[in-house]
Amino acid sequence: MIALSKVSRSFQVGDQQVTALRDIDLSIAAGDYVSIMGPSGSGKSTLLNLIGLLDKPSSGIYRLDGGNVTDLDDQQQAKVRSEKIGFVFQSFHLVPRLSAAMNIELPLILAGIPPAERKTRVTALLENYGLTDRADHRPDQLSGGQRQRVAIARATSMHPAVLLADEPTGNLDQATGKEVINLLELLVEQKVALIVVTHDPAVGGRAKRQLHMVDGKITRETGQAK
């Protein structure tokens, strides 16, 4: 599903060139559960952004679902993201003025899904994530755990093949964080490829595959039997 071949990413900072990723080779299949761990500045978020088509490699090739997406223009990237990739962030990134239901519905509206289908999907997602009685609440009327459940529901509304989670438990207490991770792990059973960036070894250690990064390289891969 995801195949990176000799992917590097460099940035120009003033008169210096900074290399954030160095010759990354990585394959991730449908239903894989992968965590990416490493110190700050190791390239974790750059790798996640690149996989999520929020950035482009400076060199190398990125294939998604068998297609070369390395040189897509912005409009083409946006279309692929909408159809294949979901995002969950540490800070939720919900639209403050919209209700929980409207936040979940937003990607469906942008994708041109007909109203009847939108209503069916949103109703099912609210029920699946225990949010039916919070459908009309704005984000500031929800707890942190509820906001993250809304974010997960929104991220899965388009039935993505890949879900990218950047520090999904970072703003949550331990018990709520565990609940959120359990919800994300249910998606793996549906053959969604789940990729989690985390500083928390307890969260990262739950993944079947654990990638450890230092200085823009994947230095080792470990795993844990389930």
C-alpha atoms as a PDB file:
ATOM      1  CA  MET A   1       0.000   0.000   0.000  1.00  0.00           C
ATOM      2  CA  ILE A   2       2.719   2.481   1.060  1.00  0.00           C
ATOM      3  CA  ALA A   3       6.174   2.144  -0.476  1.00  0.00           C
ATOM      4  CA  LEU A   4       8.945   4.690   0.037  1.00  0.00           C
ATOM      5  CA  SER A   5      12.168   4.168  -1.895  1.00  0.00           C
ATOM      6  CA  LYS A   6      15.302   6.189  -1.036  1.00  0.00           C
ATOM      7  CA  VAL A   7      13.157   9.119   0.088  1.00  0.00           C
ATOM      8  CA  SER A   8      14.960  12.195   1.428  1.00  0.00           C
ATOM      9  CA  ARG A   9      13.689  15.620   2.443  1.00  0.00           C
ATOM     10  CA  SER A  10      15.815  18.738   2.787  1.00  0.00           C
ATOM     11  CA  PHE A  11      14.904  22.315   3.712  1.00  0.00           C
ATOM     12  CA  GLN A  12      16.714  25.568   3.151  1.00  0.00           C
ATOM     13  CA  VAL A  13      17.015  27.468   6.442  1.00  0.00           C
ATOM     14  CA  GLY A  14      18.764  30.771   5.845  1.00  0.00           C
ATOM     15  CA  ASP A  15      22.050  29.938   4.153  1.00  0.00           C
ATOM     16  CA  GLN A  16      22.059  26.373   5.462  1.00  0.00           C
ATOM     17  CA  GLN A  17      20.481  23.211   4.080  1.00  0.00           C
ATOM     18  CA  VAL A  18      18.880  20.996   6.718  1.00  0.00           C
ATOM     19  CA  THR A  19      18.193  17.348   5.891  1.00  0.00           C
ATOM     20  CA  ALA A  20      15.144  16.047   7.769  1.00  0.00           C
ATOM     21  CA  LEU A  21      14.900  12.616   6.097  1.00  0.00           C
ATOM     22  CA  ARG A  22      17.734  10.548   4.680  1.00  0.00           C
ATOM     23  CA  ASP A  23      17.219   7.701   2.179  1.00  0.00           C
ATOM     24  CA  ILE A  24      14.108   6.241   3.799  1.00  0.00           C
ATOM     25  CA  ASP A  25      13.035   2.806   2.544  1.00  0.00           C
ATOM     26  CA  LEU A  26       9.694   1.757   4.004  1.00  0.00           C
ATOM     27  CA  SER A  27       6.809  -0.535   3.077  1.00  0.00           C
ATOM     28  CA  ILE A  28       3.488  -0.578   4.925  1.00  0.00           C
ATOM     29  CA  ALA A  29       0.653  -2.938   3.968  1.00  0.00           C
ATOM     30  CA  ALA A  30      -3.100  -2.732   4.499  1.00  0.00           C
ATOM     31  CA  GLY A  31      -3.895  -3.477   8.138  1.00  0.00           C
ATOM     32  CA  ASP A  32      -0.356  -2.763   9.357  1.00  0.00           C
ATOM     33  CA  TYR A  33      -0.082  -1.081  12.756  1.00  0.00           C
ATOM     34  CA  VAL A  34       3.092   1.007  12.879  1.00  0.00           C
ATOM     35  CA  SER A  35       4.445   3.439  15.461  1.00  0.00           C
ATOM     36  CA  ILE A  36       7.184   5.974  14.708  1.00  0.00           C
ATOM     37  CA  MET A  37       9.306   6.991  17.689  1.00  0.00           C
ATOM     38  CA  GLY A  38      12.416   9.047  18.263  1.00  0.00           C
ATOM     39  CA  PRO A  39      13.690  12.248  19.867  1.00  0.00           C
ATOM     40  CA  SER A  40      12.534  15.699  18.808  1.00  0.00           C
ATOM     41  CA  GLY A  41      14.087  16.610  15.462  1.00  0.00           C
ATOM     42  CA  SER A  42      14.520  12.989  14.399  1.00  0.00           C
ATOM     43  CA  GLY A  43      12.214  13.390  11.381  1.00  0.00           C
ATOM     44  CA  LYS A  44       9.067  11.711  12.707  1.00  0.00           C
ATOM     45  CA  SER A  45       6.631  14.470  11.793  1.00  0.00           C
ATOM     46  CA  THR A  46       8.349  15.133   8.457  1.00  0.00           C
ATOM     47  CA  LEU A  47       7.913  11.465   7.564  1.00  0.00           C
ATOM     48  CA  LEU A  48       4.266  11.536   8.624  1.00  0.00           C
ATOM     49  CA  ASN A  49       3.606  14.701   6.595  1.00  0.00           C
ATOM     50  CA  LEU A  50       5.223  13.155   3.559  1.00  0.00           C
ATOM     51  CA  ILE A  51       3.172   9.944   3.853  1.00  0.00           C
ATOM     52  CA  GLY A  52       0.082  12.111   4.285  1.00  0.00           C
ATOM     53  CA  LEU A  53       0.860  14.074   1.099  1.00  0.00           C
ATOM     54  CA  LEU A  54       1.210  17.296   3.051  1.00  0.00           C
ATOM     55  CA  ASP A  55       4.797  17.529   1.800  1.00  0.00           C
ATOM     56  CA  LYS A  56       6.894  16.221  -1.076  1.00  0.00           C
ATOM     57  CA  PRO A  57      10.250  14.425  -1.000  1.00  0.00           C
ATOM     58  CA  SER A  58      13.355  16.194  -2.258  1.00  0.00           C
ATOM     59  CA  SER A  59      14.427  12.890  -3.810  1.00  0.00           C
ATOM     60  CA  GLY A  60      13.242   9.307  -3.990  1.00  0.00           C
ATOM     61  CA  ILE A  61       9.898   7.750  -4.913  1.00  0.00           C
ATOM     62  CA  TYR A  62       6.642   7.437  -2.965  1.00  0.00           C
ATOM     63  CA  ARG A  63       4.033   4.948  -4.160  1.00  0.00           C
ATOM     64  CA  LEU A  64       0.568   4.731  -2.625  1.00  0.00           C
ATOM     65  CA  ASP A  65      -1.796   1.922  -3.599  1.00  0.00           C
ATOM     66  CA  GLY A  66       0.548   1.106  -6.469  1.00  0.00           C
ATOM     67  CA  GLY A  67       0.506   4.610  -7.958  1.00  0.00           C
ATOM     68  CA  ASN A  68       3.468   6.980  -8.017  1.00  0.00           C
ATOM     69  CA  VAL A  69       2.369  10.034  -6.014  1.00  0.00           C
ATOM     70  CA  THR A  70       5.825  11.621  -5.767  1.00  0.00           C
ATOM     71  CA  ASP A  71       5.259  14.503  -8.160  1.00  0.00           C
ATOM     72  CA  LEU A  72       1.534  15.167  -7.843  1.00  0.00           C
ATOM     73  CA  ASP A  73       0.548  18.832  -7.914  1.00  0.00           C
ATOM     74  CA  ASP A  74      -1.332  20.378  -4.986  1.00  0.00           C
ATOM     75  CA  GLN A  75      -4.779  19.694  -6.421  1.00  0.00           C
ATOM     76  CA  GLN A  76      -3.937  16.059  -7.184  1.00  0.00           C
ATOM     77  CA  GLN A  77      -2.461  15.597  -3.708  1.00  0.00           C
ATOM     78  CA  ALA A  78      -5.618  17.009  -2.127  1.00  0.00           C
ATOM     79  CA  LYS A  79      -7.786  14.559  -4.095  1.00  0.00           C
ATOM     80  CA  VAL A  80      -5.718  11.544  -3.038  1.00  0.00           C
ATOM     81  CA  ARG A  81      -5.681  12.717   0.596  1.00  0.00           C
ATOM     82  CA  SER A  82      -9.457  13.065   0.571  1.00  0.00           C
ATOM     83  CA  GLU A  83      -9.973   9.586  -0.873  1.00  0.00           C
ATOM     84  CA  LYS A  84      -7.295   7.545   0.892  1.00  0.00           C
ATOM     85  CA  ILE A  85      -5.852   9.243   4.001  1.00  0.00           C
ATOM     86  CA  GLY A  86      -7.270  10.287   7.367  1.00  0.00           C
ATOM     87  CA  PHE A  87      -5.532  12.425  10.010  1.00  0.00           C
ATOM     88  CA  VAL A  88      -5.801  12.592  13.799  1.00  0.00           C
ATOM     89  CA  PHE A  89      -3.807  15.302  15.583  1.00  0.00           C
ATOM     90  CA  GLN A  90      -2.750  15.990  19.165  1.00  0.00           C
ATOM     91  CA  SER A  91      -4.658  19.297  19.191  1.00  0.00           C
ATOM     92  CA  PHE A  92      -7.786  17.810  17.554  1.00  0.00           C
ATOM     93  CA  HIS A  93      -7.996  20.565  14.865  1.00  0.00           C
ATOM     94  CA  LEU A  94     -11.778  20.742  15.054  1.00  0.00           C
ATOM     95  CA  VAL A  95     -13.609  23.798  13.681  1.00  0.00           C
ATOM     96  CA  PRO A  96     -14.631  25.711  16.851  1.00  0.00           C
ATOM     97  CA  ARG A  97     -17.918  27.138  15.551  1.00  0.00           C
ATOM     98  CA  LEU A  98     -19.217  23.814  14.193  1.00  0.00           C
ATOM     99  CA  SER A  99     -21.032  21.136  16.170  1.00  0.00           C
ATOM    100  CA  ALA A 100     -19.597  17.651  16.583  1.00  0.00           C
ATOM    101  CA  ALA A 101     -21.880  16.349  13.826  1.00  0.00           C
ATOM    102  CA  MET A 102     -20.907  19.169  11.458  1.00  0.00           C
ATOM    103  CA  ASN A 103     -17.203  18.632  12.111  1.00  0.00           C
ATOM    104  CA  ILE A 104     -17.617  14.962  11.189  1.00  0.00           C
ATOM    105  CA  GLU A 105     -19.636  15.879   8.094  1.00  0.00           C
ATOM    106  CA  LEU A 106     -17.158  18.482   6.797  1.00  0.00           C
ATOM    107  CA  PRO A 107     -14.885  16.120   4.768  1.00  0.00           C
ATOM    108  CA  LEU A 108     -17.982  14.560   3.193  1.00  0.00           C
ATOM    109  CA  ILE A 109     -19.243  17.983   2.102  1.00  0.00           C
ATOM    110  CA  LEU A 110     -15.853  18.887   0.639  1.00  0.00           C
ATOM    111  CA  ALA A 111     -15.778  15.573  -1.250  1.00  0.00           C
ATOM    112  CA  GLY A 112     -19.221  16.173  -2.759  1.00  0.00           C
ATOM    113  CA  ILE A 113     -20.961  13.264  -1.034  1.00  0.00           C
ATOM    114  CA  PRO A 114     -24.764  13.571  -1.470  1.00  0.00           C
ATOM    115  CA  PRO A 115     -26.705  14.838   1.581  1.00  0.00           C
ATOM    116  CA  ALA A 116     -28.570  11.576   2.231  1.00  0.00           C
ATOM    117  CA  GLU A 117     -25.336   9.585   2.274  1.00  0.00           C
ATOM    118  CA  ARG A 118     -23.709  12.219   4.486  1.00  0.00           C
ATOM    119  CA  LYS A 119     -26.508  11.955   7.017  1.00  0.00           C
ATOM    120  CA  THR A 120     -26.271   8.152   7.074  1.00  0.00           C
ATOM    121  CA  ARG A 121     -22.518   8.165   7.604  1.00  0.00           C
ATOM    122  CA  VAL A 122     -22.530  10.883  10.269  1.00  0.00           C
ATOM    123  CA  THR A 123     -25.346   9.205  12.218  1.00  0.00           C
ATOM    124  CA  ALA A 124     -23.474   5.891  12.175  1.00  0.00           C
ATOM    125  CA  LEU A 125     -20.182   7.488  13.231  1.00  0.00           C
ATOM    126  CA  LEU A 126     -21.795   9.397  16.105  1.00  0.00           C
ATOM    127  CA  GLU A 127     -23.287   6.129  17.332  1.00  0.00           C
ATOM    128  CA  ASN A 128     -20.095   4.107  16.821  1.00  0.00           C
ATOM    129  CA  TYR A 129     -18.013   6.574  18.842  1.00  0.00           C
ATOM    130  CA  GLY A 130     -20.568   7.152  21.606  1.00  0.00           C
ATOM    131  CA  LEU A 131     -21.270  10.724  20.567  1.00  0.00           C
ATOM    132  CA  THR A 132     -24.963  10.652  19.670  1.00  0.00           C
ATOM    133  CA  ASP A 133     -25.911  12.755  22.690  1.00  0.00           C
ATOM    134  CA  ARG A 134     -23.109  15.232  21.869  1.00  0.00           C
ATOM    135  CA  ALA A 135     -23.975  15.700  18.198  1.00  0.00           C
ATOM    136  CA  ASP A 136     -25.029  19.336  18.607  1.00  0.00           C
ATOM    137  CA  HIS A 137     -22.221  20.327  20.989  1.00  0.00           C
ATOM    138  CA  ARG A 138     -19.365  22.565  19.841  1.00  0.00           C
ATOM    139  CA  PRO A 139     -15.788  21.525  20.633  1.00  0.00           C
ATOM    140  CA  ASP A 140     -15.584  23.879  23.628  1.00  0.00           C
ATOM    141  CA  GLN A 141     -18.542  22.017  25.120  1.00  0.00           C
ATOM    142  CA  LEU A 142     -16.797  18.637  24.889  1.00  0.00           C
ATOM    143  CA  SER A 143     -14.156  16.939  27.017  1.00  0.00           C
ATOM    144  CA  GLY A 144     -10.734  16.196  25.565  1.00  0.00           C
ATOM    145  CA  GLY A 145     -11.633  12.564  25.009  1.00  0.00           C
ATOM    146  CA  GLN A 146     -14.874  13.489  23.295  1.00  0.00           C
ATOM    147  CA  ARG A 147     -13.071  15.954  21.036  1.00  0.00           C
ATOM    148  CA  GLN A 148     -10.577  13.279  20.019  1.00  0.00           C
ATOM    149  CA  ARG A 149     -13.425  10.849  19.310  1.00  0.00           C
ATOM    150  CA  VAL A 150     -14.996  13.494  17.063  1.00  0.00           C
ATOM    151  CA  ALA A 151     -11.613  13.899  15.349  1.00  0.00           C
ATOM    152  CA  ILE A 152     -11.337  10.138  14.781  1.00  0.00           C
ATOM    153  CA  ALA A 153     -14.890   9.978  13.454  1.00  0.00           C
ATOM    154  CA  ARG A 154     -14.125  12.849  11.075  1.00  0.00           C
ATOM    155  CA  ALA A 155     -10.880  11.165   9.967  1.00  0.00           C
ATOM    156  CA  THR A 156     -12.701   7.930   9.139  1.00  0.00           C
ATOM    157  CA  SER A 157     -15.783   9.461   7.503  1.00  0.00           C
ATOM    158  CA  MET A 158     -14.310   8.991   4.019  1.00  0.00           C
ATOM    159  CA  HIS A 159     -13.323   5.361   4.722  1.00  0.00           C
ATOM    160  CA  PRO A 160      -9.567   5.966   4.344  1.00  0.00           C
ATOM    161  CA  ALA A 161      -7.095   3.204   3.613  1.00  0.00           C
ATOM    162  CA  VAL A 162      -4.473   4.923   5.802  1.00  0.00           C
ATOM    163  CA  LEU A 163      -4.927   6.697   9.139  1.00  0.00           C
ATOM    164  CA  LEU A 164      -2.109   8.921  10.391  1.00  0.00           C
ATOM    165  CA  ALA A 165      -2.142   9.849  14.080  1.00  0.00           C
ATOM    166  CA  ASP A 166       0.306  12.500  15.325  1.00  0.00           C
ATOM    167  CA  GLU A 167       0.639  12.281  19.153  1.00  0.00           C
ATOM    168  CA  PRO A 168      -3.080  11.336  19.436  1.00  0.00           C
ATOM    169  CA  THR A 169      -2.912  10.989  23.241  1.00  0.00           C
ATOM    170  CA  GLY A 170      -0.659  13.989  23.896  1.00  0.00           C
ATOM    171  CA  ASN A 171      -3.392  16.222  25.351  1.00  0.00           C
ATOM    172  CA  LEU A 172      -5.250  13.473  27.213  1.00  0.00           C
ATOM    173  CA  ASP A 173      -4.985  11.894  30.641  1.00  0.00           C
ATOM    174  CA  GLN A 174      -3.757   8.303  30.801  1.00  0.00           C
ATOM    175  CA  ALA A 175      -7.160   6.636  31.040  1.00  0.00           C
ATOM    176  CA  THR A 176      -8.677   8.706  28.210  1.00  0.00           C
ATOM    177  CA  GLY A 177      -5.553   8.200  26.095  1.00  0.00           C
ATOM    178  CA  LYS A 178      -5.880   4.439  26.439  1.00  0.00           C
ATOM    179  CA  GLU A 179      -9.518   4.661  25.378  1.00  0.00           C
ATOM    180  CA  VAL A 180      -8.546   6.634  22.262  1.00  0.00           C
ATOM    181  CA  ILE A 181      -5.793   4.168  21.333  1.00  0.00           C
ATOM    182  CA  ASN A 182      -8.261   1.295  21.718  1.00  0.00           C
ATOM    183  CA  LEU A 183     -10.584   3.038  19.255  1.00  0.00           C
ATOM    184  CA  LEU A 184      -7.766   3.543  16.765  1.00  0.00           C
ATOM    185  CA  GLU A 185      -6.703  -0.090  17.059  1.00  0.00           C
ATOM    186  CA  LEU A 186     -10.194  -1.241  16.083  1.00  0.00           C
ATOM    187  CA  LEU A 187      -9.543   0.305  12.665  1.00  0.00           C
ATOM    188  CA  VAL A 188      -6.610  -2.069  12.113  1.00  0.00           C
ATOM    189  CA  GLU A 189      -9.076  -4.958  12.289  1.00  0.00           C
ATOM    190  CA  GLN A 190     -10.844  -3.306   9.337  1.00  0.00           C
ATOM    191  CA  LYS A 191      -7.584  -3.420   7.326  1.00  0.00           C
ATOM    192  CA  VAL A 192      -6.856   0.284   7.754  1.00  0.00           C
ATOM    193  CA  ALA A 193      -3.109   0.955   7.896  1.00  0.00           C
ATOM    194  CA  LEU A 194      -2.575   2.799  11.200  1.00  0.00           C
ATOM    195  CA  ILE A 195       0.590   4.904  11.628  1.00  0.00           C
ATOM    196  CA  VAL A 196       1.122   6.588  15.002  1.00  0.00           C
ATOM    197  CA  VAL A 197       3.823   9.146  15.807  1.00  0.00           C
ATOM    198  CA  THR A 198       4.438   9.283  19.551  1.00  0.00           C
ATOM    199  CA  HIS A 199       6.948  10.194  22.236  1.00  0.00           C
ATOM    200  CA  ASP A 200       5.215   7.815  24.646  1.00  0.00           C
ATOM    201  CA  PRO A 201       6.905   4.372  24.678  1.00  0.00           C
ATOM    202  CA  ALA A 202       3.780   2.826  26.214  1.00  0.00           C
ATOM    203  CA  VAL A 203       1.705   4.012  23.241  1.00  0.00           C
ATOM    204  CA  GLY A 204       4.369   3.175  20.664  1.00  0.00           C
ATOM    205  CA  GLY A 205       4.954  -0.245  22.181  1.00  0.00           C
ATOM    206  CA  ARG A 206       1.405  -1.321  21.402  1.00  0.00           C
ATOM    207  CA  ALA A 207       2.084  -1.245  17.655  1.00  0.00           C
ATOM    208  CA  LYS A 208       2.937  -4.439  15.797  1.00  0.00           C
ATOM    209  CA  ARG A 209       5.813  -2.627  14.078  1.00  0.00           C
ATOM    210  CA  GLN A 210       7.838   0.034  15.886  1.00  0.00           C
ATOM    211  CA  LEU A 211      10.127   2.262  13.841  1.00  0.00           C
ATOM    212  CA  HIS A 212      12.859   4.129  15.715  1.00  0.00           C
ATOM    213  CA  MET A 213      14.248   7.284  14.082  1.00  0.00           C
ATOM    214  CA  VAL A 214      17.410   9.285  14.723  1.00  0.00           C
ATOM    215  CA  ASP A 215      18.722  12.164  12.590  1.00  0.00           C
ATOM    216  CA  GLY A 216      16.297  11.561   9.728  1.00  0.00           C
ATOM    217  CA  LYS A 217      16.927   7.821   9.452  1.00  0.00           C
ATOM    218  CA  ILE A 218      15.037   4.722  10.532  1.00  0.00           C
ATOM    219  CA  THR A 219      17.757   3.192  12.670  1.00  0.00           C
ATOM    220  CA  ARG A 220      15.906   0.041  13.719  1.00  0.00           C
ATOM    221  CA  GLU A 221      12.563  -1.710  13.705  1.00  0.00           C
ATOM    222  CA  THR A 222      11.231  -3.671  16.632  1.00  0.00           C
ATOM    223  CA  GLY A 223       7.952  -5.438  17.218  1.00  0.00           C
ATOM    224  CA  GLN A 224       5.682  -6.901  19.809  1.00  0.00           C
ATOM    225  CA  ALA A 225       3.615 -10.030  19.432  1.00  0.00           C
ATOM    226  CA  LYS A 226      -0.092  -9.484  19.929  1.00  0.00           C
END
